[in-house]
Amino acid sequence: MDTVTRIGVSLEPELLKAFDDSISKKGYVSRSEALRDLVRDSLAENTWKNDDAEMIGVFIIVIDLRVTSVLEKVDSIYRSHSDIFSHSSSVPVDNYSKMDVVIAGGKLHELRDFLGDITSIKGVLRGKLASITPGSCNLHQIGLRK
């Protein structure tokens, strides 16, 4: 950070105490540091609302292998969205499930569409997307838990 500008903020005592308690638990060393993160997160929400924003994302998908034909359905969805994929990997979780990690890039609506398609499959237990906006590196997350 090259320069900073000081600002004044007025808060009710109860709100300030709750804020101080919250940032202390999160490990912030100062209110300024916490406020900067809040402002960045708030600004990042605008990008997250823009379906045409370019994003790079990591999908975490947990699949129940006991569900009939779940792998064929998942593979079909993967193939239909392959244009956004950069890399994928699969790890066994136990005898009955596996976790896929997929790295993808594209417009936000493309990433959301993939997440919606994959989590609508019976046998997909979890689906989560964590993504960043190139240039700003603001982190966004959405997910489904069944």
N, C-alpha and C. Protein backbone atom coordinates (compact mmCIF):
# COMPACT_ATOMS: atom_id res chain seq x y z
N MET A 1 0.85 -1.16 0.00
CA MET A 1 0.00 0.00 0.00
C MET A 1 0.90 1.23 0.00
N ASP A 2 0.82 2.06 -1.05
CA ASP A 2 1.69 3.23 -1.16
C ASP A 2 1.25 4.35 -0.22
N THR A 3 0.00 4.71 -0.29
CA THR A 3 -0.52 5.77 0.58
C THR A 3 -1.87 5.35 1.11
N VAL A 4 -2.23 5.97 2.20
CA VAL A 4 -3.56 5.73 2.77
C VAL A 4 -4.19 7.07 3.08
N THR A 5 -5.49 7.09 3.13
CA THR A 5 -6.24 8.26 3.52
C THR A 5 -7.01 7.93 4.78
N ARG A 6 -6.88 8.76 5.78
CA ARG A 6 -7.61 8.54 7.03
C ARG A 6 -9.05 9.02 6.86
N ILE A 7 -9.96 8.25 7.44
CA ILE A 7 -11.37 8.63 7.45
C ILE A 7 -11.89 8.48 8.88
N GLY A 8 -12.96 9.14 9.18
CA GLY A 8 -13.62 8.99 10.47
C GLY A 8 -14.90 8.20 10.31
N VAL A 9 -15.16 7.32 11.26
CA VAL A 9 -16.37 6.51 11.22
C VAL A 9 -17.04 6.60 12.57
N SER A 10 -18.35 6.86 12.56
CA SER A 10 -19.11 6.92 13.81
C SER A 10 -19.98 5.68 13.93
N LEU A 11 -19.87 5.01 15.08
CA LEU A 11 -20.65 3.80 15.33
C LEU A 11 -21.26 3.86 16.72
N GLU A 12 -22.42 3.24 16.87
CA GLU A 12 -23.01 3.10 18.19
C GLU A 12 -22.10 2.21 19.04
N PRO A 13 -22.04 2.42 20.35
CA PRO A 13 -21.14 1.63 21.21
C PRO A 13 -21.37 0.12 21.09
N GLU A 14 -22.62 -0.32 20.99
CA GLU A 14 -22.91 -1.75 20.91
C GLU A 14 -22.37 -2.34 19.59
N LEU A 15 -22.55 -1.58 18.51
CA LEU A 15 -22.07 -2.04 17.22
C LEU A 15 -20.54 -2.11 17.19
N LEU A 16 -19.89 -1.12 17.78
CA LEU A 16 -18.43 -1.11 17.84
C LEU A 16 -17.92 -2.28 18.67
N LYS A 17 -18.57 -2.58 19.80
CA LYS A 17 -18.15 -3.71 20.63
C LYS A 17 -18.30 -5.02 19.87
N ALA A 18 -19.44 -5.19 19.19
CA ALA A 18 -19.65 -6.41 18.41
C ALA A 18 -18.61 -6.53 17.29
N PHE A 19 -18.28 -5.39 16.64
CA PHE A 19 -17.28 -5.38 15.60
C PHE A 19 -15.91 -5.76 16.16
N ASP A 20 -15.53 -5.14 17.28
CA ASP A 20 -14.24 -5.45 17.91
C ASP A 20 -14.15 -6.92 18.32
N ASP A 21 -15.23 -7.45 18.89
CA ASP A 21 -15.24 -8.86 19.28
C ASP A 21 -15.06 -9.77 18.05
N SER A 22 -15.76 -9.42 16.97
CA SER A 22 -15.72 -10.22 15.75
C SER A 22 -14.33 -10.19 15.13
N ILE A 23 -13.74 -9.01 15.00
CA ILE A 23 -12.43 -8.94 14.35
C ILE A 23 -11.33 -9.54 15.21
N SER A 24 -11.51 -9.50 16.52
CA SER A 24 -10.54 -10.11 17.42
C SER A 24 -10.53 -11.63 17.23
N LYS A 25 -11.72 -12.22 17.12
CA LYS A 25 -11.83 -13.67 16.91
C LYS A 25 -11.24 -14.08 15.57
N LYS A 26 -11.31 -13.18 14.58
CA LYS A 26 -10.79 -13.49 13.24
C LYS A 26 -9.30 -13.20 13.13
N GLY A 27 -8.71 -12.62 14.17
CA GLY A 27 -7.27 -12.41 14.17
C GLY A 27 -6.79 -11.10 13.57
N TYR A 28 -7.68 -10.17 13.36
CA TYR A 28 -7.26 -8.86 12.85
C TYR A 28 -6.47 -8.13 13.94
N VAL A 29 -5.44 -7.43 13.52
CA VAL A 29 -4.63 -6.68 14.48
C VAL A 29 -5.10 -5.24 14.63
N SER A 30 -5.96 -4.80 13.71
CA SER A 30 -6.47 -3.43 13.81
C SER A 30 -7.84 -3.32 13.17
N ARG A 31 -8.58 -2.30 13.58
CA ARG A 31 -9.87 -2.03 12.96
C ARG A 31 -9.68 -1.64 11.50
N SER A 32 -8.61 -0.90 11.21
CA SER A 32 -8.36 -0.47 9.83
C SER A 32 -8.22 -1.66 8.89
N GLU A 33 -7.48 -2.66 9.34
CA GLU A 33 -7.30 -3.85 8.51
C GLU A 33 -8.64 -4.53 8.24
N ALA A 34 -9.46 -4.65 9.26
CA ALA A 34 -10.77 -5.28 9.12
C ALA A 34 -11.68 -4.45 8.21
N LEU A 35 -11.68 -3.13 8.38
CA LEU A 35 -12.51 -2.27 7.54
C LEU A 35 -12.08 -2.33 6.08
N ARG A 36 -10.78 -2.38 5.82
CA ARG A 36 -10.30 -2.51 4.44
C ARG A 36 -10.85 -3.79 3.81
N ASP A 37 -10.81 -4.90 4.55
CA ASP A 37 -11.34 -6.16 4.02
C ASP A 37 -12.84 -6.07 3.77
N LEU A 38 -13.57 -5.42 4.67
CA LEU A 38 -15.01 -5.25 4.48
C LEU A 38 -15.31 -4.43 3.23
N VAL A 39 -14.55 -3.36 3.03
CA VAL A 39 -14.76 -2.53 1.84
C VAL A 39 -14.44 -3.33 0.59
N ARG A 40 -13.33 -4.08 0.60
CA ARG A 40 -12.98 -4.90 -0.56
C ARG A 40 -14.08 -5.93 -0.86
N ASP A 41 -14.59 -6.59 0.19
CA ASP A 41 -15.66 -7.57 0.00
C ASP A 41 -16.91 -6.92 -0.56
N SER A 42 -17.23 -5.73 -0.07
CA SER A 42 -18.41 -5.02 -0.57
C SER A 42 -18.26 -4.67 -2.04
N LEU A 43 -17.09 -4.19 -2.42
CA LEU A 43 -16.83 -3.86 -3.83
C LEU A 43 -16.82 -5.11 -4.69
N ALA A 44 -16.32 -6.22 -4.15
CA ALA A 44 -16.28 -7.47 -4.89
C ALA A 44 -17.68 -7.99 -5.19
N GLU A 45 -18.64 -7.69 -4.32
CA GLU A 45 -20.01 -8.13 -4.56
C GLU A 45 -20.56 -7.59 -5.87
N ASN A 46 -20.13 -6.39 -6.25
CA ASN A 46 -20.60 -5.83 -7.52
C ASN A 46 -20.15 -6.70 -8.69
N THR A 47 -18.92 -7.18 -8.64
CA THR A 47 -18.42 -8.07 -9.69
C THR A 47 -19.18 -9.38 -9.66
N TRP A 48 -19.45 -9.88 -8.46
CA TRP A 48 -20.14 -11.15 -8.29
C TRP A 48 -21.56 -11.09 -8.84
N LYS A 49 -22.11 -9.92 -8.94
CA LYS A 49 -23.47 -9.75 -9.47
C LYS A 49 -23.48 -9.59 -10.98
N ASN A 50 -22.30 -9.45 -11.59
CA ASN A 50 -22.19 -9.25 -13.03
C ASN A 50 -21.97 -10.60 -13.71
N ASP A 51 -23.01 -11.14 -14.32
CA ASP A 51 -22.94 -12.47 -14.93
C ASP A 51 -21.92 -12.56 -16.06
N ASP A 52 -21.53 -11.42 -16.64
CA ASP A 52 -20.57 -11.43 -17.74
C ASP A 52 -19.13 -11.21 -17.27
N ALA A 53 -18.93 -11.08 -15.95
CA ALA A 53 -17.58 -10.89 -15.42
C ALA A 53 -16.76 -12.16 -15.62
N GLU A 54 -15.51 -11.98 -16.04
CA GLU A 54 -14.59 -13.10 -16.19
C GLU A 54 -14.13 -13.55 -14.80
N MET A 55 -14.14 -14.84 -14.57
CA MET A 55 -13.77 -15.41 -13.28
C MET A 55 -12.88 -16.63 -13.49
N ILE A 56 -12.10 -16.93 -12.48
CA ILE A 56 -11.36 -18.19 -12.42
C ILE A 56 -11.85 -18.88 -11.15
N GLY A 57 -12.27 -20.12 -11.29
CA GLY A 57 -12.88 -20.78 -10.14
C GLY A 57 -12.38 -22.19 -9.90
N VAL A 58 -12.59 -22.62 -8.67
CA VAL A 58 -12.30 -23.99 -8.26
C VAL A 58 -13.61 -24.58 -7.75
N PHE A 59 -14.01 -25.68 -8.36
CA PHE A 59 -15.20 -26.40 -7.94
C PHE A 59 -14.77 -27.58 -7.09
N ILE A 60 -15.46 -27.80 -5.99
CA ILE A 60 -15.27 -28.99 -5.19
C ILE A 60 -16.59 -29.75 -5.22
N ILE A 61 -16.53 -30.97 -5.70
CA ILE A 61 -17.73 -31.76 -5.92
C ILE A 61 -17.56 -33.10 -5.24
N VAL A 62 -18.51 -33.46 -4.36
CA VAL A 62 -18.47 -34.74 -3.66
C VAL A 62 -19.59 -35.62 -4.22
N ILE A 63 -19.20 -36.83 -4.62
CA ILE A 63 -20.12 -37.71 -5.35
C ILE A 63 -20.29 -39.02 -4.59
N ASP A 64 -21.55 -39.44 -4.44
CA ASP A 64 -21.88 -40.73 -3.82
C ASP A 64 -21.84 -41.80 -4.90
N LEU A 65 -20.86 -42.67 -4.84
CA LEU A 65 -20.66 -43.68 -5.87
C LEU A 65 -21.69 -44.81 -5.82
N ARG A 66 -22.49 -44.85 -4.78
CA ARG A 66 -23.51 -45.90 -4.66
C ARG A 66 -24.75 -45.60 -5.49
N VAL A 67 -24.88 -44.36 -5.96
CA VAL A 67 -26.06 -43.99 -6.74
C VAL A 67 -25.87 -44.46 -8.19
N THR A 68 -26.85 -45.21 -8.66
CA THR A 68 -26.79 -45.78 -10.00
C THR A 68 -26.60 -44.71 -11.06
N SER A 69 -25.66 -44.93 -11.94
CA SER A 69 -25.32 -44.11 -13.10
C SER A 69 -24.90 -42.67 -12.79
N VAL A 70 -24.53 -42.39 -11.53
CA VAL A 70 -24.12 -41.03 -11.20
C VAL A 70 -22.86 -40.62 -11.96
N LEU A 71 -21.92 -41.54 -12.13
CA LEU A 71 -20.68 -41.19 -12.82
C LEU A 71 -20.92 -40.86 -14.29
N GLU A 72 -21.81 -41.59 -14.94
CA GLU A 72 -22.13 -41.30 -16.34
C GLU A 72 -22.77 -39.92 -16.47
N LYS A 73 -23.67 -39.60 -15.54
CA LYS A 73 -24.33 -38.29 -15.57
C LYS A 73 -23.34 -37.16 -15.30
N VAL A 74 -22.47 -37.36 -14.33
CA VAL A 74 -21.45 -36.36 -14.01
C VAL A 74 -20.52 -36.16 -15.21
N ASP A 75 -20.06 -37.26 -15.80
CA ASP A 75 -19.18 -37.16 -16.98
C ASP A 75 -19.86 -36.43 -18.13
N SER A 76 -21.14 -36.66 -18.31
CA SER A 76 -21.88 -35.97 -19.36
C SER A 76 -21.91 -34.46 -19.13
N ILE A 77 -22.13 -34.07 -17.89
CA ILE A 77 -22.13 -32.64 -17.55
C ILE A 77 -20.72 -32.06 -17.75
N TYR A 78 -19.70 -32.81 -17.32
CA TYR A 78 -18.32 -32.36 -17.52
C TYR A 78 -18.05 -32.11 -19.01
N ARG A 79 -18.46 -33.05 -19.86
CA ARG A 79 -18.22 -32.90 -21.29
C ARG A 79 -18.98 -31.70 -21.86
N SER A 80 -20.18 -31.47 -21.39
CA SER A 80 -20.97 -30.36 -21.95
C SER A 80 -20.44 -28.99 -21.52
N HIS A 81 -19.61 -28.96 -20.49
CA HIS A 81 -19.02 -27.70 -20.02
C HIS A 81 -17.49 -27.68 -20.19
N SER A 82 -16.96 -28.58 -20.99
CA SER A 82 -15.51 -28.74 -21.09
C SER A 82 -14.79 -27.49 -21.59
N ASP A 83 -15.49 -26.59 -22.27
CA ASP A 83 -14.85 -25.39 -22.80
C ASP A 83 -14.37 -24.44 -21.69
N ILE A 84 -14.88 -24.59 -20.47
CA ILE A 84 -14.43 -23.71 -19.38
C ILE A 84 -13.39 -24.38 -18.49
N PHE A 85 -13.17 -25.68 -18.68
CA PHE A 85 -12.26 -26.43 -17.79
C PHE A 85 -10.80 -26.17 -18.11
N SER A 86 -10.01 -26.07 -17.08
CA SER A 86 -8.57 -25.95 -17.21
C SER A 86 -7.88 -27.21 -16.71
N HIS A 87 -8.35 -27.73 -15.58
CA HIS A 87 -7.73 -28.91 -14.96
C HIS A 87 -8.75 -29.57 -14.04
N SER A 88 -8.65 -30.88 -13.89
CA SER A 88 -9.50 -31.58 -12.92
C SER A 88 -8.72 -32.73 -12.31
N SER A 89 -9.15 -33.08 -11.11
CA SER A 89 -8.52 -34.18 -10.39
C SER A 89 -9.59 -34.85 -9.53
N SER A 90 -9.40 -36.12 -9.28
CA SER A 90 -10.37 -36.89 -8.50
C SER A 90 -9.64 -37.63 -7.39
N VAL A 91 -10.24 -37.63 -6.20
CA VAL A 91 -9.64 -38.27 -5.04
C VAL A 91 -10.69 -39.12 -4.34
N PRO A 92 -10.38 -40.39 -4.04
CA PRO A 92 -11.33 -41.19 -3.27
C PRO A 92 -11.46 -40.63 -1.86
N VAL A 93 -12.69 -40.55 -1.38
CA VAL A 93 -12.93 -40.10 -0.01
C VAL A 93 -13.02 -41.31 0.90
N ASP A 94 -13.77 -42.31 0.46
CA ASP A 94 -13.90 -43.58 1.17
C ASP A 94 -14.37 -44.61 0.13
N ASN A 95 -14.88 -45.74 0.58
CA ASN A 95 -15.33 -46.77 -0.36
C ASN A 95 -16.58 -46.39 -1.13
N TYR A 96 -17.27 -45.35 -0.69
CA TYR A 96 -18.57 -45.02 -1.27
C TYR A 96 -18.63 -43.64 -1.93
N SER A 97 -17.55 -42.88 -1.85
CA SER A 97 -17.63 -41.53 -2.43
C SER A 97 -16.27 -41.06 -2.92
N LYS A 98 -16.32 -40.04 -3.76
CA LYS A 98 -15.09 -39.42 -4.24
C LYS A 98 -15.29 -37.91 -4.29
N MET A 99 -14.17 -37.21 -4.31
CA MET A 99 -14.21 -35.76 -4.42
C MET A 99 -13.50 -35.37 -5.71
N ASP A 100 -14.18 -34.60 -6.54
CA ASP A 100 -13.58 -34.04 -7.74
C ASP A 100 -13.26 -32.58 -7.49
N VAL A 101 -12.10 -32.16 -7.97
CA VAL A 101 -11.70 -30.75 -7.91
C VAL A 101 -11.50 -30.32 -9.36
N VAL A 102 -12.22 -29.28 -9.75
CA VAL A 102 -12.17 -28.81 -11.13
C VAL A 102 -11.79 -27.34 -11.12
N ILE A 103 -10.77 -26.98 -11.90
CA ILE A 103 -10.39 -25.59 -12.06
C ILE A 103 -10.92 -25.13 -13.41
N ALA A 104 -11.59 -24.00 -13.41
CA ALA A 104 -12.23 -23.53 -14.64
C ALA A 104 -12.14 -22.01 -14.73
N GLY A 105 -12.30 -21.53 -15.93
CA GLY A 105 -12.32 -20.09 -16.15
C GLY A 105 -13.36 -19.73 -17.19
N GLY A 106 -14.00 -18.61 -16.99
CA GLY A 106 -15.02 -18.17 -17.93
C GLY A 106 -15.88 -17.09 -17.31
N LYS A 107 -16.95 -16.80 -17.97
CA LYS A 107 -17.89 -15.81 -17.45
C LYS A 107 -18.61 -16.40 -16.24
N LEU A 108 -18.95 -15.53 -15.30
CA LEU A 108 -19.59 -15.98 -14.07
C LEU A 108 -20.80 -16.84 -14.35
N HIS A 109 -21.62 -16.46 -15.33
CA HIS A 109 -22.83 -17.25 -15.60
C HIS A 109 -22.47 -18.66 -16.08
N GLU A 110 -21.34 -18.82 -16.77
CA GLU A 110 -20.91 -20.15 -17.20
C GLU A 110 -20.51 -21.01 -16.00
N LEU A 111 -19.81 -20.40 -15.05
CA LEU A 111 -19.42 -21.14 -13.85
C LEU A 111 -20.64 -21.50 -13.01
N ARG A 112 -21.56 -20.54 -12.87
CA ARG A 112 -22.79 -20.83 -12.11
C ARG A 112 -23.63 -21.90 -12.79
N ASP A 113 -23.71 -21.84 -14.14
CA ASP A 113 -24.48 -22.85 -14.87
C ASP A 113 -23.92 -24.25 -14.64
N PHE A 114 -22.58 -24.36 -14.69
CA PHE A 114 -21.97 -25.66 -14.43
C PHE A 114 -22.31 -26.15 -13.03
N LEU A 115 -22.17 -25.27 -12.03
CA LEU A 115 -22.46 -25.66 -10.65
C LEU A 115 -23.91 -26.10 -10.51
N GLY A 116 -24.82 -25.36 -11.12
CA GLY A 116 -26.24 -25.73 -11.07
C GLY A 116 -26.51 -27.06 -11.73
N ASP A 117 -25.89 -27.29 -12.89
CA ASP A 117 -26.09 -28.56 -13.60
C ASP A 117 -25.54 -29.74 -12.81
N ILE A 118 -24.35 -29.57 -12.26
CA ILE A 118 -23.71 -30.70 -11.58
C ILE A 118 -24.40 -31.00 -10.25
N THR A 119 -24.84 -29.98 -9.53
CA THR A 119 -25.48 -30.24 -8.23
C THR A 119 -26.92 -30.70 -8.36
N SER A 120 -27.48 -30.63 -9.56
CA SER A 120 -28.86 -31.12 -9.74
C SER A 120 -28.90 -32.64 -9.94
N ILE A 121 -27.75 -33.26 -10.06
CA ILE A 121 -27.67 -34.71 -10.29
C ILE A 121 -27.85 -35.45 -8.97
N LYS A 122 -28.74 -36.43 -8.97
CA LYS A 122 -28.91 -37.28 -7.80
C LYS A 122 -27.61 -38.04 -7.59
N GLY A 123 -27.06 -37.95 -6.38
CA GLY A 123 -25.80 -38.61 -6.08
C GLY A 123 -24.65 -37.62 -5.92
N VAL A 124 -24.86 -36.38 -6.33
CA VAL A 124 -23.87 -35.34 -6.05
C VAL A 124 -24.25 -34.76 -4.69
N LEU A 125 -23.41 -35.04 -3.70
CA LEU A 125 -23.73 -34.68 -2.32
C LEU A 125 -23.40 -33.23 -2.00
N ARG A 126 -22.32 -32.72 -2.56
CA ARG A 126 -21.88 -31.35 -2.30
C ARG A 126 -21.34 -30.76 -3.58
N GLY A 127 -21.54 -29.48 -3.72
CA GLY A 127 -20.95 -28.75 -4.84
C GLY A 127 -20.66 -27.34 -4.37
N LYS A 128 -19.43 -26.92 -4.52
CA LYS A 128 -19.06 -25.58 -4.06
C LYS A 128 -18.14 -24.94 -5.08
N LEU A 129 -18.31 -23.65 -5.27
CA LEU A 129 -17.47 -22.87 -6.17
C LEU A 129 -16.83 -21.75 -5.37
N ALA A 130 -15.52 -21.69 -5.43
CA ALA A 130 -14.78 -20.54 -4.92
C ALA A 130 -14.10 -19.93 -6.12
N SER A 131 -14.29 -18.63 -6.35
CA SER A 131 -13.73 -18.02 -7.54
C SER A 131 -13.11 -16.67 -7.22
N ILE A 132 -12.25 -16.24 -8.13
CA ILE A 132 -11.64 -14.93 -8.01
C ILE A 132 -11.87 -14.15 -9.30
N THR A 133 -11.84 -12.85 -9.16
CA THR A 133 -11.93 -11.97 -10.30
C THR A 133 -10.51 -11.62 -10.72
N PRO A 134 -10.10 -12.00 -11.93
CA PRO A 134 -8.74 -11.66 -12.36
C PRO A 134 -8.51 -10.14 -12.26
N GLY A 135 -7.34 -9.78 -11.83
CA GLY A 135 -7.00 -8.37 -11.68
C GLY A 135 -7.18 -7.88 -10.26
N SER A 136 -8.28 -8.24 -9.64
CA SER A 136 -8.52 -7.79 -8.26
C SER A 136 -8.28 -8.90 -7.25
N CYS A 137 -8.39 -10.15 -7.69
CA CYS A 137 -8.23 -11.32 -6.83
C CYS A 137 -9.21 -11.33 -5.66
N ASN A 138 -10.39 -10.72 -5.84
CA ASN A 138 -11.43 -10.81 -4.84
C ASN A 138 -12.03 -12.21 -4.85
N LEU A 139 -12.18 -12.80 -3.68
CA LEU A 139 -12.67 -14.16 -3.55
C LEU A 139 -14.18 -14.18 -3.34
N HIS A 140 -14.85 -15.11 -4.06
CA HIS A 140 -16.29 -15.29 -3.96
C HIS A 140 -16.56 -16.77 -3.76
N GLN A 141 -17.66 -17.10 -3.06
CA GLN A 141 -18.01 -18.50 -2.85
C GLN A 141 -19.51 -18.70 -2.97
N ILE A 142 -19.89 -19.81 -3.58
CA ILE A 142 -21.27 -20.26 -3.52
C ILE A 142 -21.24 -21.78 -3.45
N GLY A 143 -22.28 -22.36 -2.93
CA GLY A 143 -22.27 -23.81 -2.85
C GLY A 143 -23.61 -24.39 -2.48
N LEU A 144 -23.67 -25.68 -2.62
CA LEU A 144 -24.88 -26.43 -2.29
C LEU A 144 -24.48 -27.55 -1.35
N ARG A 145 -25.29 -27.74 -0.36
CA ARG A 145 -25.08 -28.85 0.58
C ARG A 145 -26.38 -29.60 0.69
N LYS A 146 -26.36 -30.88 0.37
CA LYS A 146 -27.59 -31.68 0.44
C LYS A 146 -27.62 -32.44 1.72
